[in-house]
């Protein structure tokens, strides 16, 4: 599974939409020029509504978006 993000608007998706799809489908969509690969952590933040907050001592803590 790979995560991809729409980099151009089309009939189905708006720019910035992030989805997780099978490898072959991701490779095919990215080759069209309308999609780009993104990290899984970015996909997680968008789908779960969480943001990473760095605290003192470089500890990572998840906080809910408001």
PDB file of N, CA and C in Angstrom:
ATOM      1  N   UNK A   1       0.839  -1.176   0.000  1.00  0.00           N
ATOM      2  CA  UNK A   1       0.000   0.000   0.000  1.00  0.00           C
ATOM      3  C   UNK A   1       0.885   1.242   0.000  1.00  0.00           C
ATOM      4  N   UNK A   2       0.439   2.232  -0.771  1.00  0.00           N
ATOM      5  CA  UNK A   2       1.152   3.499  -0.847  1.00  0.00           C
ATOM      6  C   UNK A   2       0.171   4.648  -0.665  1.00  0.00           C
ATOM      7  N   UNK A   3       0.680   5.767  -0.203  1.00  0.00           N
ATOM      8  CA  UNK A   3      -0.136   6.954   0.003  1.00  0.00           C
ATOM      9  C   UNK A   3       0.163   7.949  -1.109  1.00  0.00           C
ATOM     10  N   UNK A   4      -0.895   8.509  -1.685  1.00  0.00           N
ATOM     11  CA  UNK A   4      -0.730   9.476  -2.764  1.00  0.00           C
ATOM     12  C   UNK A   4      -1.610  10.695  -2.498  1.00  0.00           C
ATOM     13  N   UNK A   5      -1.201  11.832  -3.075  1.00  0.00           N
ATOM     14  CA  UNK A   5      -1.933  13.085  -2.900  1.00  0.00           C
ATOM     15  C   UNK A   5      -2.184  13.702  -4.261  1.00  0.00           C
ATOM     16  N   UNK A   6      -3.402  14.194  -4.468  1.00  0.00           N
ATOM     17  CA  UNK A   6      -3.745  14.868  -5.715  1.00  0.00           C
ATOM     18  C   UNK A   6      -3.010  16.204  -5.774  1.00  0.00           C
ATOM     19  N   UNK A   7      -2.287  16.448  -6.867  1.00  0.00           N
ATOM     20  CA  UNK A   7      -1.551  17.706  -7.008  1.00  0.00           C
ATOM     21  C   UNK A   7      -2.207  18.631  -8.024  1.00  0.00           C
ATOM     22  N   UNK A   8      -3.237  18.127  -8.714  1.00  0.00           N
ATOM     23  CA  UNK A   8      -4.020  18.931  -9.649  1.00  0.00           C
ATOM     24  C   UNK A   8      -5.486  18.555  -9.488  1.00  0.00           C
ATOM     25  N   UNK A   9      -6.373  19.517  -9.707  1.00  0.00           N
ATOM     26  CA  UNK A   9      -7.804  19.221  -9.668  1.00  0.00           C
ATOM     27  C   UNK A   9      -8.195  18.397 -10.879  1.00  0.00           C
ATOM     28  N   UNK A  10      -9.128  17.475 -10.680  1.00  0.00           N
ATOM     29  CA  UNK A  10      -9.734  16.770 -11.803  1.00  0.00           C
ATOM     30  C   UNK A  10     -11.218  16.610 -11.509  1.00  0.00           C
ATOM     31  N   UNK A  11     -11.934  15.848 -12.312  1.00  0.00           N
ATOM     32  CA  UNK A  11     -13.383  15.725 -12.134  1.00  0.00           C
ATOM     33  C   UNK A  11     -13.768  15.039 -10.831  1.00  0.00           C
ATOM     34  N   UNK A  12     -12.922  14.179 -10.316  1.00  0.00           N
ATOM     35  CA  UNK A  12     -13.256  13.377  -9.152  1.00  0.00           C
ATOM     36  C   UNK A  12     -12.662  13.909  -7.847  1.00  0.00           C
ATOM     37  N   UNK A  13     -11.425  14.404  -7.879  1.00  0.00           N
ATOM     38  CA  UNK A  13     -10.726  14.804  -6.666  1.00  0.00           C
ATOM     39  C   UNK A  13     -10.243  16.244  -6.740  1.00  0.00           C
ATOM     40  N   UNK A  14     -10.231  16.901  -5.592  1.00  0.00           N
ATOM     41  CA  UNK A  14      -9.694  18.252  -5.479  1.00  0.00           C
ATOM     42  C   UNK A  14      -8.208  18.178  -5.130  1.00  0.00           C
ATOM     43  N   UNK A  15      -7.486  19.223  -5.456  1.00  0.00           N
ATOM     44  CA  UNK A  15      -6.065  19.313  -5.131  1.00  0.00           C
ATOM     45  C   UNK A  15      -5.879  19.176  -3.617  1.00  0.00           C
ATOM     46  N   UNK A  16      -4.934  18.336  -3.198  1.00  0.00           N
ATOM     47  CA  UNK A  16      -4.637  18.140  -1.785  1.00  0.00           C
ATOM     48  C   UNK A  16      -5.260  16.901  -1.178  1.00  0.00           C
ATOM     49  N   UNK A  17      -6.170  16.235  -1.901  1.00  0.00           N
ATOM     50  CA  UNK A  17      -6.812  15.020  -1.397  1.00  0.00           C
ATOM     51  C   UNK A  17      -5.770  13.918  -1.252  1.00  0.00           C
ATOM     52  N   UNK A  18      -5.762  13.238  -0.098  1.00  0.00           N
ATOM     53  CA  UNK A  18      -4.790  12.172   0.176  1.00  0.00           C
ATOM     54  C   UNK A  18      -5.533  10.855   0.334  1.00  0.00           C
ATOM     55  N   UNK A  19      -5.009   9.813  -0.300  1.00  0.00           N
ATOM     56  CA  UNK A  19      -5.618   8.485  -0.200  1.00  0.00           C
ATOM     57  C   UNK A  19      -4.534   7.423  -0.122  1.00  0.00           C
ATOM     58  N   UNK A  20      -4.931   6.233   0.293  1.00  0.00           N
ATOM     59  CA  UNK A  20      -4.013   5.092   0.412  1.00  0.00           C
ATOM     60  C   UNK A  20      -4.547   4.003  -0.513  1.00  0.00           C
ATOM     61  N   UNK A  21      -3.709   3.568  -1.472  1.00  0.00           N
ATOM     62  CA  UNK A  21      -4.126   2.596  -2.481  1.00  0.00           C
ATOM     63  C   UNK A  21      -3.048   1.528  -2.666  1.00  0.00           C
ATOM     64  N   UNK A  22      -3.400   0.482  -3.408  1.00  0.00           N
ATOM     65  CA  UNK A  22      -2.453  -0.588  -3.717  1.00  0.00           C
ATOM     66  C   UNK A  22      -1.289  -0.043  -4.549  1.00  0.00           C
ATOM     67  N   UNK A  23      -0.153  -0.734  -4.517  1.00  0.00           N
ATOM     68  CA  UNK A  23       1.060  -0.287  -5.190  1.00  0.00           C
ATOM     69  C   UNK A  23       0.862  -0.047  -6.684  1.00  0.00           C
ATOM     70  N   UNK A  24       0.246  -0.992  -7.378  1.00  0.00           N
ATOM     71  CA  UNK A  24       0.078  -0.871  -8.827  1.00  0.00           C
ATOM     72  C   UNK A  24      -0.804   0.311  -9.183  1.00  0.00           C
ATOM     73  N   UNK A  25      -1.899   0.494  -8.433  1.00  0.00           N
ATOM     74  CA  UNK A  25      -2.797   1.618  -8.699  1.00  0.00           C
ATOM     75  C   UNK A  25      -2.095   2.950  -8.419  1.00  0.00           C
ATOM     76  N   UNK A  26      -1.293   2.983  -7.362  1.00  0.00           N
ATOM     77  CA  UNK A  26      -0.556   4.202  -7.016  1.00  0.00           C
ATOM     78  C   UNK A  26       0.443   4.552  -8.116  1.00  0.00           C
ATOM     79  N   UNK A  27       1.181   3.570  -8.588  1.00  0.00           N
ATOM     80  CA  UNK A  27       2.159   3.819  -9.654  1.00  0.00           C
ATOM     81  C   UNK A  27       1.475   4.337 -10.920  1.00  0.00           C
ATOM     82  N   UNK A  28       0.329   3.770 -11.252  1.00  0.00           N
ATOM     83  CA  UNK A  28      -0.418   4.183 -12.429  1.00  0.00           C
ATOM     84  C   UNK A  28      -0.918   5.628 -12.289  1.00  0.00           C
ATOM     85  N   UNK A  29      -1.472   5.965 -11.127  1.00  0.00           N
ATOM     86  CA  UNK A  29      -1.994   7.311 -10.912  1.00  0.00           C
ATOM     87  C   UNK A  29      -0.880   8.353 -10.899  1.00  0.00           C
ATOM     88  N   UNK A  30       0.251   8.033 -10.270  1.00  0.00           N
ATOM     89  CA  UNK A  30       1.369   8.984 -10.212  1.00  0.00           C
ATOM     90  C   UNK A  30       1.932   9.238 -11.612  1.00  0.00           C
ATOM     91  N   UNK A  31       1.921   8.220 -12.457  1.00  0.00           N
ATOM     92  CA  UNK A  31       2.446   8.385 -13.814  1.00  0.00           C
ATOM     93  C   UNK A  31       1.589   9.326 -14.662  1.00  0.00           C
ATOM     94  N   UNK A  32       0.333   9.570 -14.265  1.00  0.00           N
ATOM     95  CA  UNK A  32      -0.535  10.488 -15.012  1.00  0.00           C
ATOM     96  C   UNK A  32      -0.160  11.947 -14.793  1.00  0.00           C
ATOM     97  N   UNK A  33       0.517  12.239 -13.692  1.00  0.00           N
ATOM     98  CA  UNK A  33       0.900  13.612 -13.401  1.00  0.00           C
ATOM     99  C   UNK A  33      -0.107  14.351 -12.529  1.00  0.00           C
ATOM    100  N   UNK A  34      -1.199  13.690 -12.157  1.00  0.00           N
ATOM    101  CA  UNK A  34      -2.196  14.307 -11.295  1.00  0.00           C
ATOM    102  C   UNK A  34      -1.990  13.951  -9.827  1.00  0.00           C
ATOM    103  N   UNK A  35      -1.119  13.006  -9.536  1.00  0.00           N
ATOM    104  CA  UNK A  35      -0.888  12.526  -8.181  1.00  0.00           C
ATOM    105  C   UNK A  35       0.601  12.524  -7.863  1.00  0.00           C
ATOM    106  N   UNK A  36       0.918  12.545  -6.562  1.00  0.00           N
ATOM    107  CA  UNK A  36       2.285  12.502  -6.081  1.00  0.00           C
ATOM    108  C   UNK A  36       2.326  11.627  -4.824  1.00  0.00           C
ATOM    109  N   UNK A  37       3.427  10.907  -4.621  1.00  0.00           N
ATOM    110  CA  UNK A  37       3.571  10.089  -3.428  1.00  0.00           C
ATOM    111  C   UNK A  37       3.767  10.979  -2.202  1.00  0.00           C
ATOM    112  N   UNK A  38       3.175  10.576  -1.067  1.00  0.00           N
ATOM    113  CA  UNK A  38       3.374  11.277   0.207  1.00  0.00           C
ATOM    114  C   UNK A  38       3.645  10.233   1.291  1.00  0.00           C
ATOM    115  N   UNK A  39       4.106  10.694   2.432  1.00  0.00           N
ATOM    116  CA  UNK A  39       4.431   9.775   3.520  1.00  0.00           C
ATOM    117  C   UNK A  39       3.176   9.251   4.210  1.00  0.00           C
ATOM    118  N   UNK A  40       3.310   8.098   4.816  1.00  0.00           N
ATOM    119  CA  UNK A  40       2.190   7.497   5.532  1.00  0.00           C
ATOM    120  C   UNK A  40       1.803   8.355   6.737  1.00  0.00           C
ATOM    121  N   UNK A  41       2.779   8.994   7.365  1.00  0.00           N
ATOM    122  CA  UNK A  41       2.477   9.827   8.529  1.00  0.00           C
ATOM    123  C   UNK A  41       1.590  11.011   8.143  1.00  0.00           C
ATOM    124  N   UNK A  42       1.778  11.555   6.943  1.00  0.00           N
ATOM    125  CA  UNK A  42       0.918  12.640   6.477  1.00  0.00           C
ATOM    126  C   UNK A  42      -0.503  12.126   6.253  1.00  0.00           C
ATOM    127  N   UNK A  43      -0.628  10.947   5.671  1.00  0.00           N
ATOM    128  CA  UNK A  43      -1.944  10.331   5.470  1.00  0.00           C
ATOM    129  C   UNK A  43      -2.643  10.100   6.809  1.00  0.00           C
ATOM    130  N   UNK A  44      -1.881   9.617   7.795  1.00  0.00           N
ATOM    131  CA  UNK A  44      -2.449   9.369   9.121  1.00  0.00           C
ATOM    132  C   UNK A  44      -2.966  10.661   9.746  1.00  0.00           C
ATOM    133  N   UNK A  45      -2.199  11.724   9.631  1.00  0.00           N
ATOM    134  CA  UNK A  45      -2.618  12.992  10.220  1.00  0.00           C
ATOM    135  C   UNK A  45      -3.902  13.500   9.586  1.00  0.00           C
ATOM    136  N   UNK A  46      -4.019  13.350   8.284  1.00  0.00           N
ATOM    137  CA  UNK A  46      -5.213  13.824   7.591  1.00  0.00           C
ATOM    138  C   UNK A  46      -6.434  12.972   7.908  1.00  0.00           C
ATOM    139  N   UNK A  47      -6.281  11.679   7.989  1.00  0.00           N
ATOM    140  CA  UNK A  47      -7.433  10.808   8.186  1.00  0.00           C
ATOM    141  C   UNK A  47      -7.869  10.720   9.641  1.00  0.00           C
ATOM    142  N   UNK A  48      -6.953  10.850  10.566  1.00  0.00           N
ATOM    143  CA  UNK A  48      -7.288  10.696  11.980  1.00  0.00           C
ATOM    144  C   UNK A  48      -7.479  12.016  12.698  1.00  0.00           C
ATOM    145  N   UNK A  49      -7.196  13.116  12.014  1.00  0.00           N
ATOM    146  CA  UNK A  49      -7.400  14.421  12.632  1.00  0.00           C
ATOM    147  C   UNK A  49      -6.422  14.727  13.737  1.00  0.00           C
ATOM    148  N   UNK A  50      -5.215  14.195  13.644  1.00  0.00           N
ATOM    149  CA  UNK A  50      -4.201  14.435  14.665  1.00  0.00           C
ATOM    150  C   UNK A  50      -3.054  15.240  14.081  1.00  0.00           C
ATOM    151  N   UNK A  51      -2.383  15.977  14.926  1.00  0.00           N
ATOM    152  CA  UNK A  51      -1.182  16.686  14.518  1.00  0.00           C
ATOM    153  C   UNK A  51      -0.060  16.319  15.476  1.00  0.00           C
ATOM    154  N   UNK A  52       1.154  16.322  14.979  1.00  0.00           N
ATOM    155  CA  UNK A  52       2.300  16.022  15.830  1.00  0.00           C
ATOM    156  C   UNK A  52       2.793  17.308  16.470  1.00  0.00           C
ATOM    157  N   UNK A  53       2.958  17.279  17.771  1.00  0.00           N
ATOM    158  CA  UNK A  53       3.421  18.446  18.510  1.00  0.00           C
ATOM    159  C   UNK A  53       4.745  18.089  19.151  1.00  0.00           C
ATOM    160  N   UNK A  54       5.772  18.885  18.894  1.00  0.00           N
ATOM    161  CA  UNK A  54       7.074  18.644  19.514  1.00  0.00           C
ATOM    162  C   UNK A  54       7.129  19.389  20.844  1.00  0.00           C
ATOM    163  N   UNK A  55       7.466  18.664  21.878  1.00  0.00           N
ATOM    164  CA  UNK A  55       7.587  19.257  23.196  1.00  0.00           C
ATOM    165  C   UNK A  55       9.051  19.391  23.567  1.00  0.00           C
ATOM    166  N   UNK A  56       9.295  20.011  24.686  1.00  0.00           N
ATOM    167  CA  UNK A  56      10.652  20.153  25.184  1.00  0.00           C
ATOM    168  C   UNK A  56      11.258  18.773  25.394  1.00  0.00           C
ATOM    169  N   UNK A  57      12.504  18.576  25.010  1.00  0.00           N
ATOM    170  CA  UNK A  57      13.160  17.285  25.122  1.00  0.00           C
ATOM    171  C   UNK A  57      12.944  16.440  23.881  1.00  0.00           C
ATOM    172  N   UNK A  58      12.383  17.027  22.834  1.00  0.00           N
ATOM    173  CA  UNK A  58      12.163  16.383  21.532  1.00  0.00           C
ATOM    174  C   UNK A  58      11.276  15.147  21.609  1.00  0.00           C
ATOM    175  N   UNK A  59      10.341  15.122  22.547  1.00  0.00           N
ATOM    176  CA  UNK A  59       9.373  14.032  22.619  1.00  0.00           C
ATOM    177  C   UNK A  59       8.230  14.352  21.667  1.00  0.00           C
ATOM    178  N   UNK A  60       7.720  13.331  20.996  1.00  0.00           N
ATOM    179  CA  UNK A  60       6.601  13.534  20.096  1.00  0.00           C
ATOM    180  C   UNK A  60       5.307  13.214  20.838  1.00  0.00           C
ATOM    181  N   UNK A  61       4.345  14.071  20.670  1.00  0.00           N
ATOM    182  CA  UNK A  61       3.062  13.859  21.296  1.00  0.00           C
ATOM    183  C   UNK A  61       1.981  14.144  20.274  1.00  0.00           C
ATOM    184  N   UNK A  62       0.952  13.294  20.241  1.00  0.00           N
ATOM    185  CA  UNK A  62      -0.148  13.507  19.319  1.00  0.00           C
ATOM    186  C   UNK A  62      -1.221  14.324  19.987  1.00  0.00           C
ATOM    187  N   UNK A  63      -1.745  15.288  19.265  1.00  0.00           N
ATOM    188  CA  UNK A  63      -2.824  16.120  19.776  1.00  0.00           C
ATOM    189  C   UNK A  63      -3.928  16.154  18.743  1.00  0.00           C
ATOM    190  N   UNK A  64      -5.155  16.196  19.193  1.00  0.00           N
ATOM    191  CA  UNK A  64      -6.300  16.243  18.278  1.00  0.00           C
ATOM    192  C   UNK A  64      -6.401  17.635  17.654  1.00  0.00           C
ATOM    193  N   UNK A  65      -6.765  17.656  16.349  1.00  0.00           N
ATOM    194  CA  UNK A  65      -7.017  18.930  15.678  1.00  0.00           C
ATOM    195  C   UNK A  65      -8.287  19.549  16.245  1.00  0.00           C
ATOM    196  N   UNK A  66      -8.314  20.853  16.312  1.00  0.00           N
ATOM    197  CA  UNK A  66      -9.526  21.527  16.803  1.00  0.00           C
ATOM    198  C   UNK A  66     -10.068  22.452  15.772  1.00  0.00           C
TER     199      UNK A  66
END
